[in-house]
C-alpha atoms as a PDB file:
ATOM      1  CA  UNK A   1       0.000   0.000   0.000  1.00  0.00           C
ATOM      2  CA  UNK A   2       2.787   2.414   0.941  1.00  0.00           C
ATOM      3  CA  UNK A   3       4.586   1.579  -2.329  1.00  0.00           C
ATOM      4  CA  UNK A   4       1.434   2.434  -4.306  1.00  0.00           C
ATOM      5  CA  UNK A   5       1.005   5.730  -2.439  1.00  0.00           C
ATOM      6  CA  UNK A   6       4.703   6.559  -2.990  1.00  0.00           C
ATOM      7  CA  UNK A   7       4.282   5.937  -6.737  1.00  0.00           C
ATOM      8  CA  UNK A   8       1.113   8.057  -6.743  1.00  0.00           C
ATOM      9  CA  UNK A   9       2.937  10.842  -4.884  1.00  0.00           C
ATOM     10  CA  UNK A  10       5.773  10.711  -7.412  1.00  0.00           C
ATOM     11  CA  UNK A  11       3.276  10.886 -10.302  1.00  0.00           C
ATOM     12  CA  UNK A  12       1.371  13.791  -8.726  1.00  0.00           C
ATOM     13  CA  UNK A  13       4.604  15.722  -8.011  1.00  0.00           C
ATOM     14  CA  UNK A  14       5.754  15.047 -11.583  1.00  0.00           C
ATOM     15  CA  UNK A  15       2.360  16.219 -12.929  1.00  0.00           C
ATOM     16  CA  UNK A  16       2.461  19.340 -10.744  1.00  0.00           C
ATOM     17  CA  UNK A  17       5.954  20.189 -11.968  1.00  0.00           C
ATOM     18  CA  UNK A  18       4.933  19.565 -15.592  1.00  0.00           C
ATOM     19  CA  UNK A  19       1.841  21.776 -15.175  1.00  0.00           C
ATOM     20  CA  UNK A  20       3.922  24.526 -13.583  1.00  0.00           C
ATOM     21  CA  UNK A  21       6.318  24.357 -16.554  1.00  0.00           C
ATOM     22  CA  UNK A  22       3.375  24.567 -18.979  1.00  0.00           C
ATOM     23  CA  UNK A  23       1.734  27.460 -17.132  1.00  0.00           C
ATOM     24  CA  UNK A  24       4.909  29.575 -17.107  1.00  0.00           C
ATOM     25  CA  UNK A  25       6.161  28.274 -20.507  1.00  0.00           C
ATOM     26  CA  UNK A  26       9.644  27.423 -19.272  1.00  0.00           C
ATOM     27  CA  UNK A  27      11.106  26.994 -22.784  1.00  0.00           C
ATOM     28  CA  UNK A  28      10.005  30.462 -23.868  1.00  0.00           C
ATOM     29  CA  UNK A  29      11.093  31.982 -20.543  1.00  0.00           C
ATOM     30  CA  UNK A  30      14.581  30.479 -20.865  1.00  0.00           C
ATOM     31  CA  UNK A  31      14.953  31.845 -24.432  1.00  0.00           C
ATOM     32  CA  UNK A  32      13.959  35.308 -23.138  1.00  0.00           C
ATOM     33  CA  UNK A  33      16.538  35.060 -20.338  1.00  0.00           C
ATOM     34  CA  UNK A  34      19.170  34.074 -22.925  1.00  0.00           C
ATOM     35  CA  UNK A  35      18.340  37.155 -25.056  1.00  0.00           C
ATOM     36  CA  UNK A  36      18.434  39.449 -22.001  1.00  0.00           C
ATOM     37  CA  UNK A  37      21.848  38.159 -20.959  1.00  0.00           C
ATOM     38  CA  UNK A  38      23.230  38.704 -24.488  1.00  0.00           C
ATOM     39  CA  UNK A  39      21.829  42.266 -24.331  1.00  0.00           C
ATOM     40  CA  UNK A  40      23.646  42.708 -21.005  1.00  0.00           C
ATOM     41  CA  UNK A  41      26.939  41.405 -22.436  1.00  0.00           C
ATOM     42  CA  UNK A  42      26.659  43.798 -25.387  1.00  0.00           C
ATOM     43  CA  UNK A  43      26.210  46.788 -23.066  1.00  0.00           C
ATOM     44  CA  UNK A  44      28.506  45.873 -20.175  1.00  0.00           C
ATOM     45  CA  UNK A  45      32.091  47.055 -19.827  1.00  0.00           C
ATOM     46  CA  UNK A  46      32.644  44.634 -16.940  1.00  0.00           C
ATOM     47  CA  UNK A  47      30.830  41.369 -16.243  1.00  0.00           C
ATOM     48  CA  UNK A  48      28.898  41.428 -12.959  1.00  0.00           C
ATOM     49  CA  UNK A  49      27.753  37.946 -11.904  1.00  0.00           C
ATOM     50  CA  UNK A  50      25.194  39.282  -9.414  1.00  0.00           C
ATOM     51  CA  UNK A  51      23.520  41.499 -12.032  1.00  0.00           C
ATOM     52  CA  UNK A  52      23.405  38.650 -14.564  1.00  0.00           C
ATOM     53  CA  UNK A  53      21.878  36.310 -11.975  1.00  0.00           C
ATOM     54  CA  UNK A  54      19.253  38.895 -10.964  1.00  0.00           C
ATOM     55  CA  UNK A  55      18.509  39.649 -14.626  1.00  0.00           C
ATOM     56  CA  UNK A  56      18.059  35.938 -15.375  1.00  0.00           C
ATOM     57  CA  UNK A  57      15.727  35.345 -12.400  1.00  0.00           C
ATOM     58  CA  UNK A  58      13.822  38.615 -12.857  1.00  0.00           C
ATOM     59  CA  UNK A  59      13.454  38.042 -16.606  1.00  0.00           C
ATOM     60  CA  UNK A  60      12.236  34.473 -16.087  1.00  0.00           C
ATOM     61  CA  UNK A  61       9.636  35.590 -13.519  1.00  0.00           C
ATOM     62  CA  UNK A  62       8.479  38.436 -15.780  1.00  0.00           C
ATOM     63  CA  UNK A  63       7.808  36.102 -18.745  1.00  0.00           C
ATOM     64  CA  UNK A  64       6.402  33.368 -16.497  1.00  0.00           C
ATOM     65  CA  UNK A  65       3.912  35.850 -15.009  1.00  0.00           C
ATOM     66  CA  UNK A  66       2.829  37.069 -18.468  1.00  0.00           C
ATOM     67  CA  UNK A  67       2.254  33.506 -19.679  1.00  0.00           C
ATOM     68  CA  UNK A  68       0.344  32.515 -16.535  1.00  0.00           C
ATOM     69  CA  UNK A  69      -1.971  35.562 -16.770  1.00  0.00           C
ATOM     70  CA  UNK A  70      -2.418  34.844 -20.483  1.00  0.00           C
ATOM     71  CA  UNK A  71      -3.535  31.269 -19.780  1.00  0.00           C
ATOM     72  CA  UNK A  72      -5.930  32.412 -17.042  1.00  0.00           C
ATOM     73  CA  UNK A  73      -7.608  34.864 -19.450  1.00  0.00           C
ATOM     74  CA  UNK A  74      -7.646  32.362 -22.352  1.00  0.00           C
ATOM     75  CA  UNK A  75      -8.688  29.281 -20.374  1.00  0.00           C
ATOM     76  CA  UNK A  76     -11.933  28.801 -22.348  1.00  0.00           C
ATOM     77  CA  UNK A  77     -10.286  29.617 -25.701  1.00  0.00           C
ATOM     78  CA  UNK A  78      -7.452  27.149 -25.001  1.00  0.00           C
ATOM     79  CA  UNK A  79     -10.057  24.426 -24.396  1.00  0.00           C
ATOM     80  CA  UNK A  80     -11.218  24.814 -28.034  1.00  0.00           C
ATOM     81  CA  UNK A  81      -7.807  24.241 -29.638  1.00  0.00           C
ATOM     82  CA  UNK A  82      -6.050  20.908 -30.080  1.00  0.00           C
ATOM     83  CA  UNK A  83      -2.642  22.489 -29.394  1.00  0.00           C
ATOM     84  CA  UNK A  84      -3.669  24.039 -26.058  1.00  0.00           C
ATOM     85  CA  UNK A  85      -6.561  22.003 -24.671  1.00  0.00           C
ATOM     86  CA  UNK A  86      -4.258  19.901 -22.491  1.00  0.00           C
ATOM     87  CA  UNK A  87      -2.805  22.907 -20.669  1.00  0.00           C
ATOM     88  CA  UNK A  88      -3.331  22.689 -16.878  1.00  0.00           C
ATOM     89  CA  UNK A  89      -6.243  25.187 -16.716  1.00  0.00           C
ATOM     90  CA  UNK A  90      -8.498  24.011 -19.589  1.00  0.00           C
ATOM     91  CA  UNK A  91      -7.738  20.372 -18.669  1.00  0.00           C
ATOM     92  CA  UNK A  92      -8.870  21.088 -15.079  1.00  0.00           C
ATOM     93  CA  UNK A  93      -5.633  19.929 -13.441  1.00  0.00           C
ATOM     94  CA  UNK A  94      -5.033  23.368 -11.926  1.00  0.00           C
ATOM     95  CA  UNK A  95      -7.492  25.879 -10.510  1.00  0.00           C
ATOM     96  CA  UNK A  96      -7.655  29.494 -11.673  1.00  0.00           C
ATOM     97  CA  UNK A  97      -6.917  30.588  -8.072  1.00  0.00           C
ATOM     98  CA  UNK A  98      -3.669  28.570  -7.986  1.00  0.00           C
ATOM     99  CA  UNK A  99      -2.599  29.998 -11.351  1.00  0.00           C
ATOM    100  CA  UNK A 100      -3.504  33.510 -10.154  1.00  0.00           C
ATOM    101  CA  UNK A 101      -1.344  33.114  -7.026  1.00  0.00           C
ATOM    102  CA  UNK A 102       1.608  31.926  -9.151  1.00  0.00           C
ATOM    103  CA  UNK A 103       1.156  34.762 -11.685  1.00  0.00           C
ATOM    104  CA  UNK A 104       0.810  37.458  -8.993  1.00  0.00           C
ATOM    105  CA  UNK A 105       3.790  36.158  -7.010  1.00  0.00           C
ATOM    106  CA  UNK A 106       5.932  36.017 -10.146  1.00  0.00           C
ATOM    107  CA  UNK A 107       4.920  39.602 -11.023  1.00  0.00           C
ATOM    108  CA  UNK A 108       5.735  41.115  -7.630  1.00  0.00           C
ATOM    109  CA  UNK A 109       8.980  39.192  -7.049  1.00  0.00           C
ATOM    110  CA  UNK A 110      10.109  39.668 -10.677  1.00  0.00           C
ATOM    111  CA  UNK A 111       9.590  43.449 -10.643  1.00  0.00           C
ATOM    112  CA  UNK A 112      11.289  43.788  -7.228  1.00  0.00           C
ATOM    113  CA  UNK A 113      14.311  41.829  -8.488  1.00  0.00           C
ATOM    114  CA  UNK A 114      14.521  43.941 -11.655  1.00  0.00           C
ATOM    115  CA  UNK A 115      14.231  47.084  -9.507  1.00  0.00           C
ATOM    116  CA  UNK A 116      17.324  46.041  -7.527  1.00  0.00           C
ATOM    117  CA  UNK A 117      19.260  46.092 -10.849  1.00  0.00           C
ATOM    118  CA  UNK A 118      17.851  49.460 -11.944  1.00  0.00           C
ATOM    119  CA  UNK A 119      14.444  51.198 -11.644  1.00  0.00           C
ATOM    120  CA  UNK A 120      14.245  51.395 -15.461  1.00  0.00           C
ATOM    121  CA  UNK A 121      14.513  47.586 -15.654  1.00  0.00           C
ATOM    122  CA  UNK A 122      11.542  47.279 -13.275  1.00  0.00           C
ATOM    123  CA  UNK A 123       9.580  49.823 -15.340  1.00  0.00           C
ATOM    124  CA  UNK A 124      10.166  47.938 -18.596  1.00  0.00           C
ATOM    125  CA  UNK A 125       9.337  44.647 -16.867  1.00  0.00           C
ATOM    126  CA  UNK A 126       6.045  46.065 -15.574  1.00  0.00           C
ATOM    127  CA  UNK A 127       5.174  47.543 -19.007  1.00  0.00           C
ATOM    128  CA  UNK A 128       5.900  44.165 -20.605  1.00  0.00           C
ATOM    129  CA  UNK A 129       3.568  42.234 -18.255  1.00  0.00           C
ATOM    130  CA  UNK A 130       0.835  44.889 -18.510  1.00  0.00           C
ATOM    131  CA  UNK A 131       0.856  45.085 -22.338  1.00  0.00           C
ATOM    132  CA  UNK A 132       0.998  41.309 -22.790  1.00  0.00           C
ATOM    133  CA  UNK A 133      -1.890  40.550 -20.447  1.00  0.00           C
ATOM    134  CA  UNK A 134      -4.076  43.658 -20.648  1.00  0.00           C
ATOM    135  CA  UNK A 135      -3.677  44.612 -24.319  1.00  0.00           C
ATOM    136  CA  UNK A 136      -2.239  41.804 -26.485  1.00  0.00           C
ATOM    137  CA  UNK A 137      -4.215  38.901 -24.997  1.00  0.00           C
ATOM    138  CA  UNK A 138      -7.722  40.454 -25.223  1.00  0.00           C
ATOM    139  CA  UNK A 139      -6.980  42.035 -28.648  1.00  0.00           C
ATOM    140  CA  UNK A 140      -6.232  38.615 -30.206  1.00  0.00           C
ATOM    141  CA  UNK A 141      -9.966  37.961 -30.342  1.00  0.00           C
ATOM    142  CA  UNK A 142     -10.758  41.395 -31.815  1.00  0.00           C
ATOM    143  CA  UNK A 143      -8.162  42.414 -34.410  1.00  0.00           C
ATOM    144  CA  UNK A 144      -5.061  41.151 -36.290  1.00  0.00           C
ATOM    145  CA  UNK A 145      -3.345  44.319 -35.002  1.00  0.00           C
ATOM    146  CA  UNK A 146      -2.888  42.412 -31.723  1.00  0.00           C
ATOM    147  CA  UNK A 147       0.391  41.089 -33.196  1.00  0.00           C
ATOM    148  CA  UNK A 148       1.747  44.679 -33.299  1.00  0.00           C
ATOM    149  CA  UNK A 149       0.820  45.216 -29.654  1.00  0.00           C
ATOM    150  CA  UNK A 150       2.255  41.819 -28.637  1.00  0.00           C
ATOM    151  CA  UNK A 151       5.511  42.613 -30.429  1.00  0.00           C
ATOM    152  CA  UNK A 152       6.216  45.423 -27.909  1.00  0.00           C
ATOM    153  CA  UNK A 153       6.542  43.245 -24.760  1.00  0.00           C
ATOM    154  CA  UNK A 154       8.140  40.569 -26.952  1.00  0.00           C
ATOM    155  CA  UNK A 155      10.912  42.981 -27.956  1.00  0.00           C
ATOM    156  CA  UNK A 156      11.737  44.222 -24.454  1.00  0.00           C
ATOM    157  CA  UNK A 157      14.121  41.406 -23.257  1.00  0.00           C
ATOM    158  CA  UNK A 158      17.040  42.199 -25.628  1.00  0.00           C
ATOM    159  CA  UNK A 159      16.791  45.881 -24.711  1.00  0.00           C
ATOM    160  CA  UNK A 160      16.317  45.061 -21.007  1.00  0.00           C
ATOM    161  CA  UNK A 161      19.768  43.461 -20.880  1.00  0.00           C
ATOM    162  CA  UNK A 162      21.415  46.600 -22.268  1.00  0.00           C
ATOM    163  CA  UNK A 163      19.555  48.809 -19.763  1.00  0.00           C
ATOM    164  CA  UNK A 164      20.618  46.466 -16.924  1.00  0.00           C
ATOM    165  CA  UNK A 165      24.252  46.849 -18.009  1.00  0.00           C
ATOM    166  CA  UNK A 166      24.293  50.609 -18.628  1.00  0.00           C
ATOM    167  CA  UNK A 167      21.467  52.018 -16.504  1.00  0.00           C
ATOM    168  CA  UNK A 168      20.050  54.060 -19.360  1.00  0.00           C
ATOM    169  CA  UNK A 169      17.866  53.707 -22.458  1.00  0.00           C
ATOM    170  CA  UNK A 170      19.541  55.191 -25.531  1.00  0.00           C
ATOM    171  CA  UNK A 171      19.819  54.562 -29.268  1.00  0.00           C
ATOM    172  CA  UNK A 172      21.648  51.246 -28.669  1.00  0.00           C
ATOM    173  CA  UNK A 173      18.836  49.805 -26.547  1.00  0.00           C
ATOM    174  CA  UNK A 174      16.353  51.244 -29.060  1.00  0.00           C
ATOM    175  CA  UNK A 175      17.957  49.358 -31.931  1.00  0.00           C
ATOM    176  CA  UNK A 176      18.087  46.093 -29.968  1.00  0.00           C
ATOM    177  CA  UNK A 177      14.377  46.617 -29.294  1.00  0.00           C
ATOM    178  CA  UNK A 178      13.595  47.256 -32.987  1.00  0.00           C
ATOM    179  CA  UNK A 179      15.515  44.186 -34.207  1.00  0.00           C
ATOM    180  CA  UNK A 180      13.473  41.910 -31.951  1.00  0.00           C
ATOM    181  CA  UNK A 181      10.270  43.906 -32.616  1.00  0.00           C
ATOM    182  CA  UNK A 182      10.357  43.483 -36.409  1.00  0.00           C
ATOM    183  CA  UNK A 183      11.535  39.855 -36.154  1.00  0.00           C
ATOM    184  CA  UNK A 184       8.298  38.906 -34.439  1.00  0.00           C
ATOM    185  CA  UNK A 185       6.064  39.601 -37.457  1.00  0.00           C
ATOM    186  CA  UNK A 186       7.469  36.916 -39.792  1.00  0.00           C
ATOM    187  CA  UNK A 187       7.830  34.562 -36.807  1.00  0.00           C
ATOM    188  CA  UNK A 188       4.301  34.884 -35.429  1.00  0.00           C
ATOM    189  CA  UNK A 189       2.624  35.154 -38.823  1.00  0.00           C
ATOM    190  CA  UNK A 190       4.340  31.886 -39.825  1.00  0.00           C
ATOM    191  CA  UNK A 191       2.838  30.321 -36.672  1.00  0.00           C
ATOM    192  CA  UNK A 192      -0.480  32.040 -37.467  1.00  0.00           C
ATOM    193  CA  UNK A 193      -0.370  30.444 -40.925  1.00  0.00           C
ATOM    194  CA  UNK A 194       0.284  26.981 -39.494  1.00  0.00           C
ATOM    195  CA  UNK A 195      -2.417  27.307 -36.831  1.00  0.00           C
ATOM    196  CA  UNK A 196      -4.881  29.324 -38.953  1.00  0.00           C
ATOM    197  CA  UNK A 197      -7.774  26.838 -38.784  1.00  0.00           C
ATOM    198  CA  UNK A 198      -7.295  26.280 -35.048  1.00  0.00           C
ATOM    199  CA  UNK A 199      -7.114  30.015 -34.319  1.00  0.00           C
ATOM    200  CA  UNK A 200     -10.195  30.638 -36.470  1.00  0.00           C
ATOM    201  CA  UNK A 201     -12.102  27.997 -34.555  1.00  0.00           C
ATOM    202  CA  UNK A 202     -11.221  29.791 -31.312  1.00  0.00           C
ATOM    203  CA  UNK A 203     -12.040  33.234 -32.778  1.00  0.00           C
ATOM    204  CA  UNK A 204      -8.444  34.520 -32.711  1.00  0.00           C
ATOM    205  CA  UNK A 205      -7.136  36.841 -35.438  1.00  0.00           C
ATOM    206  CA  UNK A 206      -3.443  36.081 -35.904  1.00  0.00           C
ATOM    207  CA  UNK A 207      -2.791  36.784 -39.603  1.00  0.00           C
ATOM    208  CA  UNK A 208      -2.771  40.168 -41.385  1.00  0.00           C
ATOM    209  CA  UNK A 209      -6.362  40.985 -42.464  1.00  0.00           C
ATOM    210  CA  UNK A 210      -7.200  37.577 -40.920  1.00  0.00           C
ATOM    211  CA  UNK A 211      -6.651  35.864 -44.290  1.00  0.00           C
ATOM    212  CA  UNK A 212      -4.424  32.934 -45.176  1.00  0.00           C
ATOM    213  CA  UNK A 213      -3.389  34.228 -48.597  1.00  0.00           C
ATOM    214  CA  UNK A 214      -0.544  35.757 -50.632  1.00  0.00           C
ATOM    215  CA  UNK A 215      -1.354  39.169 -49.136  1.00  0.00           C
ATOM    216  CA  UNK A 216      -0.318  37.869 -45.693  1.00  0.00           C
ATOM    217  CA  UNK A 217       2.969  36.571 -47.140  1.00  0.00           C
ATOM    218  CA  UNK A 218       3.693  39.965 -48.768  1.00  0.00           C
ATOM    219  CA  UNK A 219       3.523  41.464 -45.257  1.00  0.00           C
ATOM    220  CA  UNK A 220       5.830  38.712 -43.956  1.00  0.00           C
ATOM    221  CA  UNK A 221       8.353  39.506 -46.721  1.00  0.00           C
ATOM    222  CA  UNK A 222       8.152  43.255 -46.023  1.00  0.00           C
ATOM    223  CA  UNK A 223       8.758  42.911 -42.268  1.00  0.00           C
ATOM    224  CA  UNK A 224      11.563  40.398 -42.839  1.00  0.00           C
ATOM    225  CA  UNK A 225      13.314  43.006 -45.040  1.00  0.00           C
ATOM    226  CA  UNK A 226      12.864  45.693 -42.354  1.00  0.00           C
ATOM    227  CA  UNK A 227      14.232  43.271 -39.736  1.00  0.00           C
ATOM    228  CA  UNK A 228      17.326  42.601 -41.880  1.00  0.00           C
ATOM    229  CA  UNK A 229      17.937  46.350 -42.363  1.00  0.00           C
ATOM    230  CA  UNK A 230      17.623  46.977 -38.609  1.00  0.00           C
ATOM    231  CA  UNK A 231      19.977  44.072 -37.878  1.00  0.00           C
ATOM    232  CA  UNK A 232      22.762  45.329 -40.159  1.00  0.00           C
ATOM    233  CA  UNK A 233      22.291  49.092 -39.488  1.00  0.00           C
ATOM    234  CA  UNK A 234      24.946  49.105 -36.676  1.00  0.00           C
ATOM    235  CA  UNK A 235      27.619  48.656 -39.380  1.00  0.00           C
ATOM    236  CA  UNK A 236      26.932  52.280 -40.427  1.00  0.00           C
ATOM    237  CA  UNK A 237      28.033  53.506 -36.956  1.00  0.00           C
ATOM    238  CA  UNK A 238      24.712  55.298 -36.441  1.00  0.00           C
ATOM    239  CA  UNK A 239      23.824  53.325 -33.332  1.00  0.00           C
ATOM    240  CA  UNK A 240      26.115  54.780 -30.672  1.00  0.00           C
ATOM    241  CA  UNK A 241      28.302  52.222 -28.889  1.00  0.00           C
ATOM    242  CA  UNK A 242      26.502  49.367 -30.641  1.00  0.00           C
ATOM    243  CA  UNK A 243      28.675  48.846 -33.729  1.00  0.00           C
ATOM    244  CA  UNK A 244      29.449  45.794 -35.909  1.00  0.00           C
ATOM    245  CA  UNK A 245      32.165  44.990 -38.459  1.00  0.00           C
ATOM    246  CA  UNK A 246      31.274  44.822 -42.198  1.00  0.00           C
ATOM    247  CA  UNK A 247      31.927  41.033 -42.279  1.00  0.00           C
ATOM    248  CA  UNK A 248      29.484  40.600 -39.394  1.00  0.00           C
ATOM    249  CA  UNK A 249      26.864  42.608 -41.297  1.00  0.00           C
ATOM    250  CA  UNK A 250      27.353  40.319 -44.331  1.00  0.00           C
ATOM    251  CA  UNK A 251      26.901  37.177 -42.201  1.00  0.00           C
ATOM    252  CA  UNK A 252      23.731  38.578 -40.592  1.00  0.00           C
ATOM    253  CA  UNK A 253      22.425  39.647 -44.017  1.00  0.00           C
ATOM    254  CA  UNK A 254      22.901  36.083 -45.319  1.00  0.00           C
ATOM    255  CA  UNK A 255      21.054  34.675 -42.292  1.00  0.00           C
ATOM    256  CA  UNK A 256      18.226  37.090 -43.031  1.00  0.00           C
ATOM    257  CA  UNK A 257      18.102  35.981 -46.682  1.00  0.00           C
ATOM    258  CA  UNK A 258      17.507  32.422 -45.438  1.00  0.00           C
ATOM    259  CA  UNK A 259      14.267  33.670 -43.856  1.00  0.00           C
ATOM    260  CA  UNK A 260      13.454  35.609 -47.044  1.00  0.00           C
ATOM    261  CA  UNK A 261      14.035  32.469 -49.138  1.00  0.00           C
ATOM    262  CA  UNK A 262      11.402  30.533 -47.171  1.00  0.00           C
ATOM    263  CA  UNK A 263       9.053  33.547 -47.192  1.00  0.00           C
ATOM    264  CA  UNK A 264       9.224  33.680 -51.018  1.00  0.00           C
ATOM    265  CA  UNK A 265       8.729  29.909 -51.160  1.00  0.00           C
ATOM    266  CA  UNK A 266       5.627  30.306 -48.991  1.00  0.00           C
ATOM    267  CA  UNK A 267       4.388  33.051 -51.357  1.00  0.00           C
ATOM    268  CA  UNK A 268       4.795  30.660 -54.282  1.00  0.00           C
ATOM    269  CA  UNK A 269       3.337  27.487 -52.727  1.00  0.00           C
ATOM    270  CA  UNK A 270       1.116  28.686 -49.833  1.00  0.00           C
ATOM    271  CA  UNK A 271       1.958  25.322 -48.227  1.00  0.00           C
ATOM    272  CA  UNK A 272       2.105  24.724 -44.459  1.00  0.00           C
ATOM    273  CA  UNK A 273       5.440  22.900 -44.876  1.00  0.00           C
ATOM    274  CA  UNK A 274       7.068  26.123 -46.125  1.00  0.00           C
ATOM    275  CA  UNK A 275       5.442  28.144 -43.317  1.00  0.00           C
ATOM    276  CA  UNK A 276       7.004  25.675 -40.856  1.00  0.00           C
ATOM    277  CA  UNK A 277      10.430  26.084 -42.495  1.00  0.00           C
ATOM    278  CA  UNK A 278      10.068  29.876 -42.264  1.00  0.00           C
ATOM    279  CA  UNK A 279       9.127  29.612 -38.587  1.00  0.00           C
ATOM    280  CA  UNK A 280      12.148  27.388 -37.838  1.00  0.00           C
ATOM    281  CA  UNK A 281      14.434  29.734 -39.831  1.00  0.00           C
ATOM    282  CA  UNK A 282      13.146  32.663 -37.747  1.00  0.00           C
ATOM    283  CA  UNK A 283      13.916  30.802 -34.486  1.00  0.00           C
ATOM    284  CA  UNK A 284      17.415  30.048 -35.803  1.00  0.00           C
ATOM    285  CA  UNK A 285      17.869  33.724 -36.745  1.00  0.00           C
ATOM    286  CA  UNK A 286      16.906  35.187 -33.351  1.00  0.00           C
ATOM    287  CA  UNK A 287      19.073  32.600 -31.564  1.00  0.00           C
ATOM    288  CA  UNK A 288      22.206  33.003 -33.652  1.00  0.00           C
ATOM    289  CA  UNK A 289      22.211  36.764 -34.446  1.00  0.00           C
ATOM    290  CA  UNK A 290      22.594  37.915 -30.789  1.00  0.00           C
ATOM    291  CA  UNK A 291      25.501  35.452 -30.416  1.00  0.00           C
ATOM    292  CA  UNK A 292      27.111  36.905 -33.572  1.00  0.00           C
ATOM    293  CA  UNK A 293      26.728  40.426 -32.127  1.00  0.00           C
ATOM    294  CA  UNK A 294      28.413  39.279 -28.930  1.00  0.00           C
ATOM    295  CA  UNK A 295      31.313  37.625 -30.769  1.00  0.00           C
ATOM    296  CA  UNK A 296      31.727  40.778 -32.864  1.00  0.00           C
ATOM    297  CA  UNK A 297      31.892  42.954 -29.723  1.00  0.00           C
ATOM    298  CA  UNK A 298      34.715  40.894 -28.265  1.00  0.00           C
ATOM    299  CA  UNK A 299      36.621  41.110 -31.566  1.00  0.00           C
ATOM    300  CA  UNK A 300      36.561  44.939 -31.534  1.00  0.00           C
END
């Protein structure tokens, strides 16, 4: 009997941990922390372990809180979609009250931690949580423009790292923000293309003009081009201390053309397989480009 109860306890603890990971979207949170730390390394003259640790924890809590609030608000919508119906709230494995406690705790502790780095970090963290939960999430069911609103909190992490390192928001942090801001359109519209039927079923508008057509892909191509231009602009030395070598700009341009290649393929075929390739190319881009910036900085 005790063996059975021990096994049951292990299963319930494992389920609880899994649900907690799903509620706070650990994978996404970790990628945000990674981007913030790269932003810090780009801005910092000296590496401060304490600041990096606080930035990592504060950043994780900030994203975790946003995702938890998002899932509380979209509990009924998530229940309608195959991809999300097994999340802890729609599946009934976690109560809204429990999720609310986690989200609120993450918000308060996350903002306090960011405040200990710099008040501006706390401000940007608070803006990020507010926009994601109070503007982006409800707008998804009203207008495709929700993607523009959602791109603002989504672009804060890269910039947040720079602000944590320097204590001020200038043209450098602004450019880091814009790179990540414009990247989100091809990325999320590729996901919107793949999940179009599911989103439609749930009443969410995640493609431009809410249509799965060539017009949506034209927008994807346009924003990919803007993203590439923003990414290579530091080579012109117009972005303050944030400067890259010409060879670095060429490498980043080529990485951007990989995304453009799949965007043009999607325009030609309108096939989900090409939308998936574009989405994966966008993930590769936003992972590798910050690393290239960091390598370039240490080669100056």
